[in-house]
N, C-alpha and C. Protein backbone atom coordinates (compact mmCIF):
# COMPACT_ATOMS: atom_id res chain seq x y z
N UNK A 1 100.44 -19.44 -65.74
CA UNK A 1 99.05 -18.85 -65.73
C UNK A 1 98.50 -19.24 -64.71
N UNK A 2 99.04 -20.13 -64.00
CA UNK A 2 97.59 -20.30 -62.73
C UNK A 2 97.62 -19.97 -62.12
N UNK A 3 98.54 -18.20 -62.37
CA UNK A 3 97.68 -17.58 -61.31
C UNK A 3 96.48 -16.81 -62.15
N UNK A 4 96.88 -17.13 -63.01
CA UNK A 4 95.33 -16.40 -63.85
C UNK A 4 94.28 -17.88 -63.91
N UNK A 5 94.38 -19.01 -63.48
CA UNK A 5 93.05 -19.69 -62.66
C UNK A 5 92.80 -19.08 -61.68
N UNK A 6 94.06 -19.40 -61.24
CA UNK A 6 93.09 -19.07 -60.00
C UNK A 6 92.65 -18.40 -59.85
N UNK A 7 92.66 -17.39 -60.22
CA UNK A 7 91.66 -15.64 -60.31
C UNK A 7 90.59 -16.42 -61.34
N UNK A 8 89.63 -17.01 -61.30
CA UNK A 8 88.79 -17.19 -62.73
C UNK A 8 87.28 -16.36 -61.94
N UNK A 9 87.12 -15.32 -62.42
CA UNK A 9 85.68 -15.42 -62.13
C UNK A 9 84.52 -16.53 -62.11
N UNK A 10 84.79 -15.76 -61.11
CA UNK A 10 83.59 -16.92 -60.55
C UNK A 10 81.95 -16.26 -60.86
N UNK A 11 81.28 -17.34 -61.50
CA UNK A 11 79.65 -16.91 -61.53
C UNK A 11 79.06 -16.84 -60.79
N UNK A 12 78.44 -15.32 -60.13
CA UNK A 12 78.09 -14.40 -59.66
C UNK A 12 76.27 -15.68 -58.65
N UNK A 13 76.19 -16.30 -59.46
CA UNK A 13 74.99 -17.08 -59.45
C UNK A 13 75.24 -17.96 -58.89
N UNK A 14 76.03 -18.89 -59.05
CA UNK A 14 76.01 -19.86 -58.12
C UNK A 14 76.95 -19.15 -56.83
N UNK A 15 75.84 -20.22 -55.55
CA UNK A 15 76.18 -20.18 -54.40
C UNK A 15 78.12 -20.76 -53.23
N UNK A 16 78.41 -19.65 -52.59
CA UNK A 16 80.14 -20.11 -52.87
C UNK A 16 79.68 -21.40 -51.13
N UNK A 17 80.14 -23.01 -51.73
CA UNK A 17 79.75 -23.84 -51.26
C UNK A 17 80.47 -23.37 -49.63
N UNK A 18 81.14 -23.42 -49.02
CA UNK A 18 81.33 -23.65 -47.74
C UNK A 18 80.81 -21.95 -47.32
N UNK A 19 80.91 -20.88 -48.31
CA UNK A 19 80.11 -19.99 -47.02
C UNK A 19 78.00 -20.70 -47.03
N UNK A 20 78.05 -21.29 -48.10
CA UNK A 20 76.05 -21.62 -46.94
C UNK A 20 76.17 -22.57 -46.59
N UNK A 21 76.89 -23.45 -45.83
CA UNK A 21 77.19 -24.64 -44.77
C UNK A 21 77.23 -24.10 -43.55
N UNK A 22 78.38 -22.99 -43.75
CA UNK A 22 78.37 -21.87 -42.29
C UNK A 22 77.16 -21.47 -42.14
N UNK A 23 76.55 -21.25 -42.88
CA UNK A 23 75.53 -20.18 -42.93
C UNK A 23 73.99 -21.36 -42.31
N UNK A 24 74.08 -22.26 -43.05
CA UNK A 24 73.02 -23.92 -42.63
C UNK A 24 73.11 -24.01 -41.13
N UNK A 25 74.40 -23.69 -40.97
CA UNK A 25 74.85 -24.25 -39.56
C UNK A 25 75.45 -23.57 -38.40
N UNK A 26 75.02 -22.61 -39.04
CA UNK A 26 74.14 -21.07 -37.59
C UNK A 26 73.30 -21.34 -37.93
N UNK A 27 72.10 -21.04 -39.16
CA UNK A 27 70.81 -21.10 -38.74
C UNK A 27 70.89 -21.97 -37.81
N UNK A 28 70.39 -23.13 -38.20
CA UNK A 28 70.40 -24.47 -37.07
C UNK A 28 70.81 -24.41 -36.12
N UNK A 29 71.48 -23.89 -35.86
CA UNK A 29 72.12 -23.17 -34.15
C UNK A 29 70.95 -22.64 -33.86
N UNK A 30 70.67 -21.84 -34.48
CA UNK A 30 69.84 -20.21 -33.43
C UNK A 30 68.43 -20.77 -33.76
N UNK A 31 67.93 -21.74 -34.69
CA UNK A 31 67.10 -22.49 -34.54
C UNK A 31 66.77 -22.93 -33.73
N UNK A 32 67.39 -24.13 -33.59
CA UNK A 32 67.46 -24.78 -31.70
C UNK A 32 67.74 -24.33 -30.93
N UNK A 33 68.44 -23.27 -30.87
CA UNK A 33 67.97 -21.66 -29.38
C UNK A 33 66.77 -21.61 -29.21
N UNK A 34 66.41 -21.00 -30.25
CA UNK A 34 65.34 -20.29 -30.26
C UNK A 34 64.09 -21.99 -29.81
N UNK A 35 64.45 -22.92 -30.81
CA UNK A 35 62.69 -23.73 -30.75
C UNK A 35 62.81 -24.42 -28.70
N UNK A 36 63.60 -23.79 -28.45
CA UNK A 36 64.06 -25.11 -26.98
C UNK A 36 63.83 -24.02 -25.92
N UNK A 37 64.61 -22.72 -26.35
CA UNK A 37 64.54 -21.78 -24.87
C UNK A 37 63.65 -20.45 -25.88
N UNK A 38 63.37 -20.47 -26.09
CA UNK A 38 62.73 -19.34 -26.88
C UNK A 38 61.25 -19.61 -26.93
N UNK A 39 60.43 -20.15 -27.72
CA UNK A 39 59.71 -21.16 -28.61
C UNK A 39 58.80 -21.48 -27.40
N UNK A 40 58.59 -22.53 -26.37
CA UNK A 40 58.40 -22.84 -25.29
C UNK A 40 57.98 -21.71 -24.02
N UNK A 41 59.18 -20.48 -24.23
CA UNK A 41 58.75 -19.17 -23.06
C UNK A 41 57.04 -18.36 -24.20
N UNK A 42 57.16 -18.33 -25.00
CA UNK A 42 56.52 -17.39 -26.24
C UNK A 42 54.93 -17.82 -25.69
N UNK A 43 55.56 -19.56 -26.84
CA UNK A 43 53.90 -20.61 -25.89
C UNK A 43 53.32 -20.55 -24.66
N UNK A 44 54.52 -20.55 -24.30
CA UNK A 44 53.68 -21.02 -22.78
C UNK A 44 52.88 -19.08 -22.05
N UNK A 45 53.47 -18.67 -22.60
CA UNK A 45 52.92 -17.66 -22.34
C UNK A 45 52.09 -17.01 -23.51
N UNK A 46 51.35 -16.99 -24.43
CA UNK A 46 50.53 -16.53 -25.34
C UNK A 46 49.24 -17.60 -24.51
N UNK A 47 49.83 -19.30 -23.73
CA UNK A 47 48.85 -20.00 -23.45
C UNK A 47 48.04 -19.54 -22.65
N UNK A 48 48.90 -18.88 -21.11
CA UNK A 48 48.95 -18.76 -20.29
C UNK A 48 47.82 -16.90 -20.75
N UNK A 49 47.76 -16.19 -21.01
CA UNK A 49 47.22 -15.07 -21.40
C UNK A 49 46.34 -15.71 -22.38
N UNK A 50 45.90 -16.53 -23.15
CA UNK A 50 44.62 -16.97 -23.48
C UNK A 50 44.07 -18.06 -22.94
N UNK A 51 43.82 -18.30 -21.74
CA UNK A 51 43.40 -19.24 -20.66
C UNK A 51 42.65 -18.04 -19.79
N UNK A 52 43.55 -16.65 -19.82
CA UNK A 52 42.86 -16.10 -18.17
C UNK A 52 41.71 -15.09 -19.29
N UNK A 53 42.16 -14.77 -21.09
CA UNK A 53 41.40 -14.53 -21.37
C UNK A 53 39.61 -15.22 -21.27
N UNK A 54 40.39 -16.80 -22.03
CA UNK A 54 38.70 -16.70 -22.39
C UNK A 54 38.07 -17.64 -20.40
N UNK A 55 39.29 -17.53 -19.03
CA UNK A 55 38.69 -18.00 -17.97
C UNK A 55 37.93 -16.72 -17.54
N UNK A 56 37.92 -14.58 -18.52
CA UNK A 56 37.37 -14.07 -17.50
C UNK A 56 36.68 -13.71 -18.40
N UNK A 57 36.15 -14.31 -19.66
CA UNK A 57 34.82 -14.13 -20.29
C UNK A 57 34.19 -15.02 -20.15
N UNK A 58 34.50 -15.84 -19.79
CA UNK A 58 33.94 -17.51 -18.23
C UNK A 58 32.74 -16.84 -17.75
N UNK A 59 34.30 -16.00 -16.69
CA UNK A 59 33.45 -15.31 -15.61
C UNK A 59 32.57 -14.17 -16.07
N UNK A 60 33.02 -13.29 -16.81
CA UNK A 60 31.70 -12.40 -17.12
C UNK A 60 31.07 -12.88 -17.92
N UNK A 61 30.69 -13.76 -18.44
CA UNK A 61 29.31 -14.41 -18.72
C UNK A 61 29.00 -15.59 -17.31
N UNK A 62 29.07 -15.93 -16.29
CA UNK A 62 28.63 -16.30 -15.90
C UNK A 62 28.18 -15.10 -15.01
N UNK A 63 28.82 -14.01 -14.59
CA UNK A 63 28.36 -12.84 -13.16
C UNK A 63 27.53 -12.16 -14.17
N UNK A 64 27.26 -11.66 -16.26
CA UNK A 64 26.30 -11.44 -16.11
C UNK A 64 24.84 -12.46 -16.29
N UNK A 65 24.41 -13.46 -16.43
CA UNK A 65 23.90 -14.64 -15.90
C UNK A 65 23.74 -14.54 -14.94
N UNK A 66 23.83 -14.29 -14.09
CA UNK A 66 23.45 -14.49 -12.41
C UNK A 66 22.84 -12.93 -12.12
N UNK A 67 23.98 -11.61 -12.73
CA UNK A 67 23.14 -10.81 -12.48
C UNK A 67 21.36 -10.32 -13.08
N UNK A 68 21.02 -11.27 -14.40
CA UNK A 68 20.09 -11.50 -15.03
C UNK A 68 19.30 -12.20 -14.34
N UNK A 69 19.36 -14.01 -13.56
CA UNK A 69 19.57 -14.33 -12.28
C UNK A 69 18.26 -13.05 -11.84
N UNK A 70 19.01 -12.08 -11.13
CA UNK A 70 19.50 -11.68 -9.49
C UNK A 70 18.43 -10.59 -10.10
N UNK A 71 17.47 -9.91 -11.02
CA UNK A 71 17.02 -8.99 -11.63
C UNK A 71 16.04 -9.58 -11.97
N UNK A 72 15.65 -10.65 -12.52
CA UNK A 72 14.75 -11.02 -13.25
C UNK A 72 14.11 -11.72 -10.92
N UNK A 73 14.44 -11.88 -10.38
CA UNK A 73 14.14 -12.10 -9.56
C UNK A 73 13.57 -10.76 -8.37
N UNK A 74 14.12 -9.96 -8.22
CA UNK A 74 14.62 -8.59 -8.08
C UNK A 74 12.91 -8.54 -8.26
N UNK A 75 12.59 -7.91 -9.67
CA UNK A 75 11.76 -7.65 -10.63
C UNK A 75 10.35 -8.22 -10.59
N UNK A 76 10.22 -9.81 -9.88
CA UNK A 76 9.43 -10.73 -9.09
C UNK A 76 8.96 -10.24 -8.06
N UNK A 77 9.85 -9.75 -6.55
CA UNK A 77 9.69 -9.59 -6.32
C UNK A 77 8.96 -7.84 -6.07
N UNK A 78 8.94 -7.42 -6.54
CA UNK A 78 8.50 -5.92 -6.93
C UNK A 78 7.32 -6.25 -7.57
N UNK A 79 7.18 -6.70 -8.17
CA UNK A 79 5.35 -7.55 -8.98
C UNK A 79 4.57 -7.73 -7.90
N UNK A 80 5.08 -8.90 -6.81
CA UNK A 80 4.40 -9.84 -6.13
C UNK A 80 4.07 -8.35 -5.07
N UNK A 81 5.65 -7.27 -4.29
CA UNK A 81 5.08 -6.36 -3.57
C UNK A 81 4.16 -5.24 -3.41
N UNK A 82 3.56 -4.83 -4.90
CA UNK A 82 2.83 -4.21 -5.78
C UNK A 82 1.68 -4.25 -5.51
N UNK A 83 1.60 -6.28 -6.33
CA UNK A 83 -0.21 -6.54 -5.54
C UNK A 83 0.21 -6.49 -4.31
N UNK A 84 0.35 -7.01 -3.43
CA UNK A 84 0.43 -6.92 -2.18
C UNK A 84 0.69 -5.79 -1.56
N UNK A 85 1.01 -4.90 -1.83
CA UNK A 85 0.29 -3.33 -1.40
C UNK A 85 -1.20 -2.63 -2.38
N UNK A 86 -1.09 -2.89 -3.46
CA UNK A 86 -3.14 -3.21 -4.17
C UNK A 86 -4.31 -3.55 -3.26
N UNK A 87 -2.99 -5.21 -2.41
CA UNK A 87 -3.97 -6.12 -1.50
C UNK A 87 -4.94 -5.01 -0.29
N UNK A 88 -3.95 -4.88 0.61
CA UNK A 88 -3.29 -4.26 1.69
C UNK A 88 -4.39 -3.11 2.15
N UNK A 89 -4.50 -2.43 -0.11
CA UNK A 89 -4.67 -0.75 0.37
C UNK A 89 -6.26 -1.47 -0.17
N UNK A 90 -6.81 -2.31 -0.97
CA UNK A 90 -8.01 -3.01 -0.95
C UNK A 90 -8.53 -3.07 0.10
N UNK A 91 -7.89 -3.09 1.12
CA UNK A 91 -8.77 -4.00 1.99
C UNK A 91 -9.03 -2.94 3.07
N UNK A 92 -7.19 -2.01 3.18
CA UNK A 92 -7.84 -0.93 3.40
C UNK A 92 -8.86 0.04 3.77
N UNK A 93 -8.93 -0.37 2.22
CA UNK A 93 -10.87 0.38 2.39
C UNK A 93 -11.47 -0.18 2.78
N UNK A 94 -11.52 -1.06 2.43
CA UNK A 94 -13.10 -1.95 3.25
C UNK A 94 -13.76 -1.70 4.25
N UNK A 95 -12.08 -2.25 4.62
CA UNK A 95 -12.01 -1.72 6.38
C UNK A 95 -12.84 -0.43 6.93
N UNK A 96 -11.59 0.03 6.06
CA UNK A 96 -12.71 2.29 6.14
C UNK A 96 -14.31 2.14 5.79
N UNK A 97 -14.54 1.22 4.86
CA UNK A 97 -15.78 2.08 4.43
C UNK A 97 -17.32 0.59 5.40
N UNK A 98 -16.27 -0.35 6.40
CA UNK A 98 -17.49 -1.35 7.36
C UNK A 98 -17.18 -0.12 8.13
N UNK A 99 -16.35 0.70 9.03
CA UNK A 99 -16.19 1.02 9.92
C UNK A 99 -17.17 2.88 9.85
N UNK A 100 -16.66 3.13 8.49
CA UNK A 100 -17.75 4.01 8.42
C UNK A 100 -18.82 3.93 8.39
N UNK A 101 -19.64 2.79 7.35
CA UNK A 101 -20.71 2.34 7.84
C UNK A 101 -21.03 1.92 9.17
N UNK A 102 -20.16 1.56 10.18
CA UNK A 102 -21.27 0.59 11.23
C UNK A 102 -20.38 1.92 12.15
N UNK A 103 -19.92 3.40 11.82
CA UNK A 103 -19.84 4.18 12.94
C UNK A 103 -21.10 5.04 12.96
N UNK A 104 -21.97 4.94 11.39
CA UNK A 104 -22.90 5.16 11.34
C UNK A 104 -24.16 4.76 11.40
N UNK A 105 -24.45 3.80 11.53
CA UNK A 105 -25.52 2.53 11.97
C UNK A 105 -25.13 2.91 13.39
N UNK A 106 -24.00 3.28 14.30
CA UNK A 106 -24.47 3.19 15.79
C UNK A 106 -24.83 5.58 16.23
N UNK A 107 -24.52 6.20 15.03
CA UNK A 107 -25.41 7.17 15.50
C UNK A 107 -26.65 7.70 15.67
N UNK A 108 -26.96 6.58 14.18
CA UNK A 108 -28.63 6.51 14.19
C UNK A 108 -29.62 5.95 14.41
N UNK A 109 -28.79 5.00 15.88
CA UNK A 109 -29.61 4.13 16.56
C UNK A 109 -29.14 5.71 17.63
N UNK A 110 -28.30 6.49 18.16
CA UNK A 110 -27.91 6.78 19.55
C UNK A 110 -28.52 7.92 19.50
N UNK A 111 -29.07 8.60 17.53
CA UNK A 111 -29.48 9.72 17.26
C UNK A 111 -31.29 9.05 18.00
N UNK A 112 -31.47 7.67 17.02
CA UNK A 112 -33.18 7.34 17.44
C UNK A 112 -32.92 7.12 18.68
N UNK A 113 -32.64 6.78 19.81
CA UNK A 113 -32.18 6.65 21.11
C UNK A 113 -32.50 8.01 21.90
N UNK A 114 -31.85 9.43 21.38
CA UNK A 114 -32.15 10.26 21.90
C UNK A 114 -33.22 11.15 21.19
N UNK A 115 -34.20 11.23 20.36
CA UNK A 115 -34.78 11.22 20.17
C UNK A 115 -36.44 10.50 20.20
N UNK A 116 -36.42 9.18 21.11
CA UNK A 116 -37.21 8.98 21.82
C UNK A 116 -36.97 9.34 22.83
N UNK A 117 -36.33 9.85 23.61
CA UNK A 117 -35.65 9.77 24.71
C UNK A 117 -36.66 10.63 25.19
N UNK A 118 -35.68 12.25 24.02
CA UNK A 118 -36.49 13.59 23.82
C UNK A 118 -38.00 13.12 24.13
N UNK A 119 -38.76 12.58 22.90
CA UNK A 119 -40.27 12.29 22.94
C UNK A 119 -40.37 11.83 23.85
N UNK A 120 -40.07 11.44 25.24
CA UNK A 120 -40.37 10.18 26.30
C UNK A 120 -40.91 11.64 27.53
N UNK A 121 -39.63 12.03 27.62
CA UNK A 121 -39.56 13.32 28.56
C UNK A 121 -40.02 14.96 28.26
N UNK A 122 -40.74 14.59 26.66
CA UNK A 122 -41.82 16.06 26.05
C UNK A 122 -42.84 15.55 27.13
N UNK A 123 -43.29 14.03 26.47
CA UNK A 123 -44.42 12.73 27.34
C UNK A 123 -44.60 13.91 28.91
N UNK A 124 -43.92 13.26 29.50
CA UNK A 124 -44.19 13.65 30.43
C UNK A 124 -44.25 15.16 31.12
N UNK A 125 -43.20 15.45 30.63
CA UNK A 125 -43.45 17.17 30.75
C UNK A 125 -44.52 18.44 30.81
N UNK A 126 -44.98 17.35 28.64
CA UNK A 126 -46.31 17.36 28.85
C UNK A 126 -47.70 16.91 29.97
N UNK A 127 -47.56 15.62 30.21
CA UNK A 127 -48.41 15.56 31.39
C UNK A 127 -48.63 16.01 32.65
N UNK A 128 -46.83 15.96 32.77
CA UNK A 128 -46.75 17.02 34.28
C UNK A 128 -47.41 18.82 34.51
N UNK A 129 -46.70 19.46 33.10
CA UNK A 129 -47.62 20.94 32.78
C UNK A 129 -49.55 21.13 32.72
N UNK A 130 -50.09 19.71 32.16
CA UNK A 130 -51.43 19.21 31.55
C UNK A 130 -51.93 18.90 33.61
N UNK A 131 -51.70 18.67 34.66
CA UNK A 131 -51.97 18.10 35.72
C UNK A 131 -51.59 19.81 35.81
N UNK A 132 -50.16 20.58 36.06
CA UNK A 132 -50.31 21.35 37.03
C UNK A 132 -51.35 23.26 36.35
N UNK A 133 -51.91 22.57 35.23
CA UNK A 133 -52.66 23.33 34.33
C UNK A 133 -54.02 23.31 34.99
N UNK A 134 -53.88 21.94 35.35
CA UNK A 134 -55.43 21.39 35.80
C UNK A 134 -55.72 22.11 37.26
N UNK A 135 -54.20 22.02 37.82
CA UNK A 135 -54.89 22.58 39.67
C UNK A 135 -55.28 24.10 39.27
N UNK A 136 -54.04 24.66 38.43
CA UNK A 136 -54.73 26.14 38.46
C UNK A 136 -56.07 26.35 37.92
N UNK A 137 -56.00 26.41 37.03
CA UNK A 137 -57.74 26.32 36.55
C UNK A 137 -58.44 25.76 37.72
N UNK A 138 -58.59 24.70 37.59
CA UNK A 138 -59.38 24.30 39.40
C UNK A 138 -59.45 25.27 39.86
N UNK A 139 -58.63 25.22 40.33
CA UNK A 139 -58.54 26.26 41.23
C UNK A 139 -58.98 27.28 41.64
N UNK A 140 -58.67 28.45 39.81
CA UNK A 140 -59.16 29.23 39.57
C UNK A 140 -60.90 29.54 39.52
N UNK A 141 -60.98 28.07 39.14
CA UNK A 141 -62.44 28.25 38.39
C UNK A 141 -64.01 28.34 39.59
N UNK A 142 -63.31 27.71 41.06
CA UNK A 142 -62.85 27.02 42.42
C UNK A 142 -62.96 28.99 42.85
N UNK A 143 -62.52 29.70 42.73
CA UNK A 143 -62.23 30.88 43.41
C UNK A 143 -63.15 31.79 42.52
N UNK A 144 -63.41 31.63 41.04
CA UNK A 144 -63.99 32.33 40.74
C UNK A 144 -65.84 31.92 41.04
N UNK A 145 -65.80 30.46 40.77
CA UNK A 145 -67.81 30.36 41.37
C UNK A 145 -68.20 30.42 42.13
N UNK A 146 -67.05 30.71 43.34
CA UNK A 146 -66.99 31.28 45.18
C UNK A 146 -67.62 32.95 44.68
N UNK A 147 -67.38 33.38 44.10
CA UNK A 147 -67.27 34.44 43.76
C UNK A 147 -68.44 35.76 43.74
N UNK A 148 -68.85 34.59 42.59
CA UNK A 148 -69.97 33.80 41.43
C UNK A 148 -71.07 34.33 42.97
N UNK A 149 -71.32 32.85 43.15
CA UNK A 149 -71.95 32.14 44.64
C UNK A 149 -72.46 32.75 45.24
N UNK A 150 -70.39 33.44 45.97
CA UNK A 150 -71.12 34.23 47.69
C UNK A 150 -70.94 32.66 48.34
N UNK A 151 -70.44 32.81 48.43
CA UNK A 151 -70.14 31.62 48.72
C UNK A 151 -69.44 30.77 48.88
N UNK A 152 -68.20 29.85 49.54
CA UNK A 152 -66.89 29.46 49.31
C UNK A 152 -67.13 27.66 48.83
N UNK A 153 -65.82 27.36 48.54
CA UNK A 153 -66.23 25.97 47.66
C UNK A 153 -65.29 25.32 47.83
N UNK A 154 -65.11 25.04 48.90
CA UNK A 154 -63.70 24.73 49.49
C UNK A 154 -63.94 23.59 49.73
N UNK A 155 -64.80 22.31 50.01
CA UNK A 155 -64.64 20.67 48.97
C UNK A 155 -63.71 20.33 48.00
N UNK A 156 -62.54 19.64 48.82
CA UNK A 156 -61.88 19.16 47.62
C UNK A 156 -61.91 18.53 46.88
N UNK A 157 -62.75 17.00 47.61
CA UNK A 157 -62.84 16.09 46.77
C UNK A 157 -63.49 17.13 45.80
N UNK A 158 -65.00 16.89 46.81
CA UNK A 158 -66.22 17.66 45.70
C UNK A 158 -65.54 18.56 43.77
N UNK A 159 -65.20 19.47 44.68
CA UNK A 159 -64.18 20.46 43.73
C UNK A 159 -63.32 19.53 42.27
N UNK A 160 -62.34 18.99 43.35
CA UNK A 160 -61.72 18.48 41.99
C UNK A 160 -62.14 17.38 41.18
N UNK A 161 -63.21 15.83 41.98
CA UNK A 161 -64.88 15.50 41.04
C UNK A 161 -64.96 16.87 39.27
N UNK A 162 -65.78 18.26 40.37
CA UNK A 162 -66.18 19.01 39.42
C UNK A 162 -65.00 19.63 37.93
N UNK A 163 -64.08 20.44 38.83
CA UNK A 163 -63.29 20.48 37.93
C UNK A 163 -62.35 19.59 36.68
N UNK A 164 -62.33 18.11 36.77
CA UNK A 164 -62.03 17.13 36.17
C UNK A 164 -62.63 16.57 35.25
N UNK A 165 -64.36 16.65 35.48
CA UNK A 165 -64.96 16.61 35.49
C UNK A 165 -65.47 18.00 34.09
N UNK A 166 -65.12 18.95 34.11
CA UNK A 166 -64.77 19.64 33.60
C UNK A 166 -64.08 19.81 31.87
N UNK A 167 -62.67 19.08 32.89
CA UNK A 167 -61.42 18.94 31.44
C UNK A 167 -61.88 18.09 30.71
N UNK A 168 -62.47 16.90 31.97
CA UNK A 168 -62.36 15.85 30.85
C UNK A 168 -63.50 16.49 29.01
N UNK A 169 -64.19 16.67 29.30
CA UNK A 169 -65.31 17.32 28.33
C UNK A 169 -65.16 18.59 27.76
N UNK A 170 -63.94 19.42 27.99
CA UNK A 170 -62.82 20.27 27.65
C UNK A 170 -62.02 19.09 26.10
N UNK A 171 -61.52 18.36 27.04
CA UNK A 171 -60.80 17.67 26.29
C UNK A 171 -61.67 16.45 25.05
N UNK A 172 -62.59 15.94 25.44
CA UNK A 172 -63.41 15.64 24.51
C UNK A 172 -63.78 16.20 23.66
N UNK A 173 -64.06 17.11 23.85
CA UNK A 173 -64.74 18.11 22.94
C UNK A 173 -63.54 18.05 21.39
N UNK A 174 -61.83 18.31 22.25
CA UNK A 174 -61.06 19.25 21.60
C UNK A 174 -60.63 17.70 21.00
N UNK A 175 -60.04 16.54 20.92
CA UNK A 175 -60.29 15.72 20.45
C UNK A 175 -61.44 15.27 19.56
N UNK A 176 -62.47 15.30 19.25
CA UNK A 176 -63.97 15.18 18.75
C UNK A 176 -64.01 16.28 17.14
N UNK A 177 -63.65 17.69 17.74
CA UNK A 177 -63.43 18.83 16.95
C UNK A 177 -62.05 18.71 16.45
N UNK A 178 -60.98 17.89 16.62
CA UNK A 178 -59.56 17.52 15.62
C UNK A 178 -59.70 17.15 14.69
N UNK A 179 -61.10 15.77 15.19
CA UNK A 179 -60.56 14.52 14.28
C UNK A 179 -62.34 15.28 13.39
N UNK A 180 -62.17 16.27 13.61
CA UNK A 180 -63.42 16.39 12.04
C UNK A 180 -62.82 16.87 11.86
């Protein structure tokens, strides 16, 4: 009957103690190997990856801040350049207007000089023409008077005085007639 006692069926809910001890020892060995060898390598790789990601984010934020600062500087420079260009355009327009006014004034002055020179020339030509006309009229009048009287009136001094007196009387009559 002993044979029967050794073959007693064991309760399936109760663990077999030698298997539990061997399982615990195997689990302890695997846990020890993982914790000492594999886990530090995994943690190290995870730390490196986290540092790389955080460093990359910080670098990206720094680069973005620098790019924003550079953009603001360029915008300020562009605004300043626009203001400078507007100032230069305004200055050029003012200089152009001043130059045009100066050229107009110079043209007006030259025009006045030309007109004055023309009036002077006309007056000189008029006097010369009047003198030539006096001489011609005097000569014709003397010749005509000589033909009427029948004698030559060739005395030039007398002729000149007579002609001058006659023409002066004509001019005086013309001036009094124009004044009325």
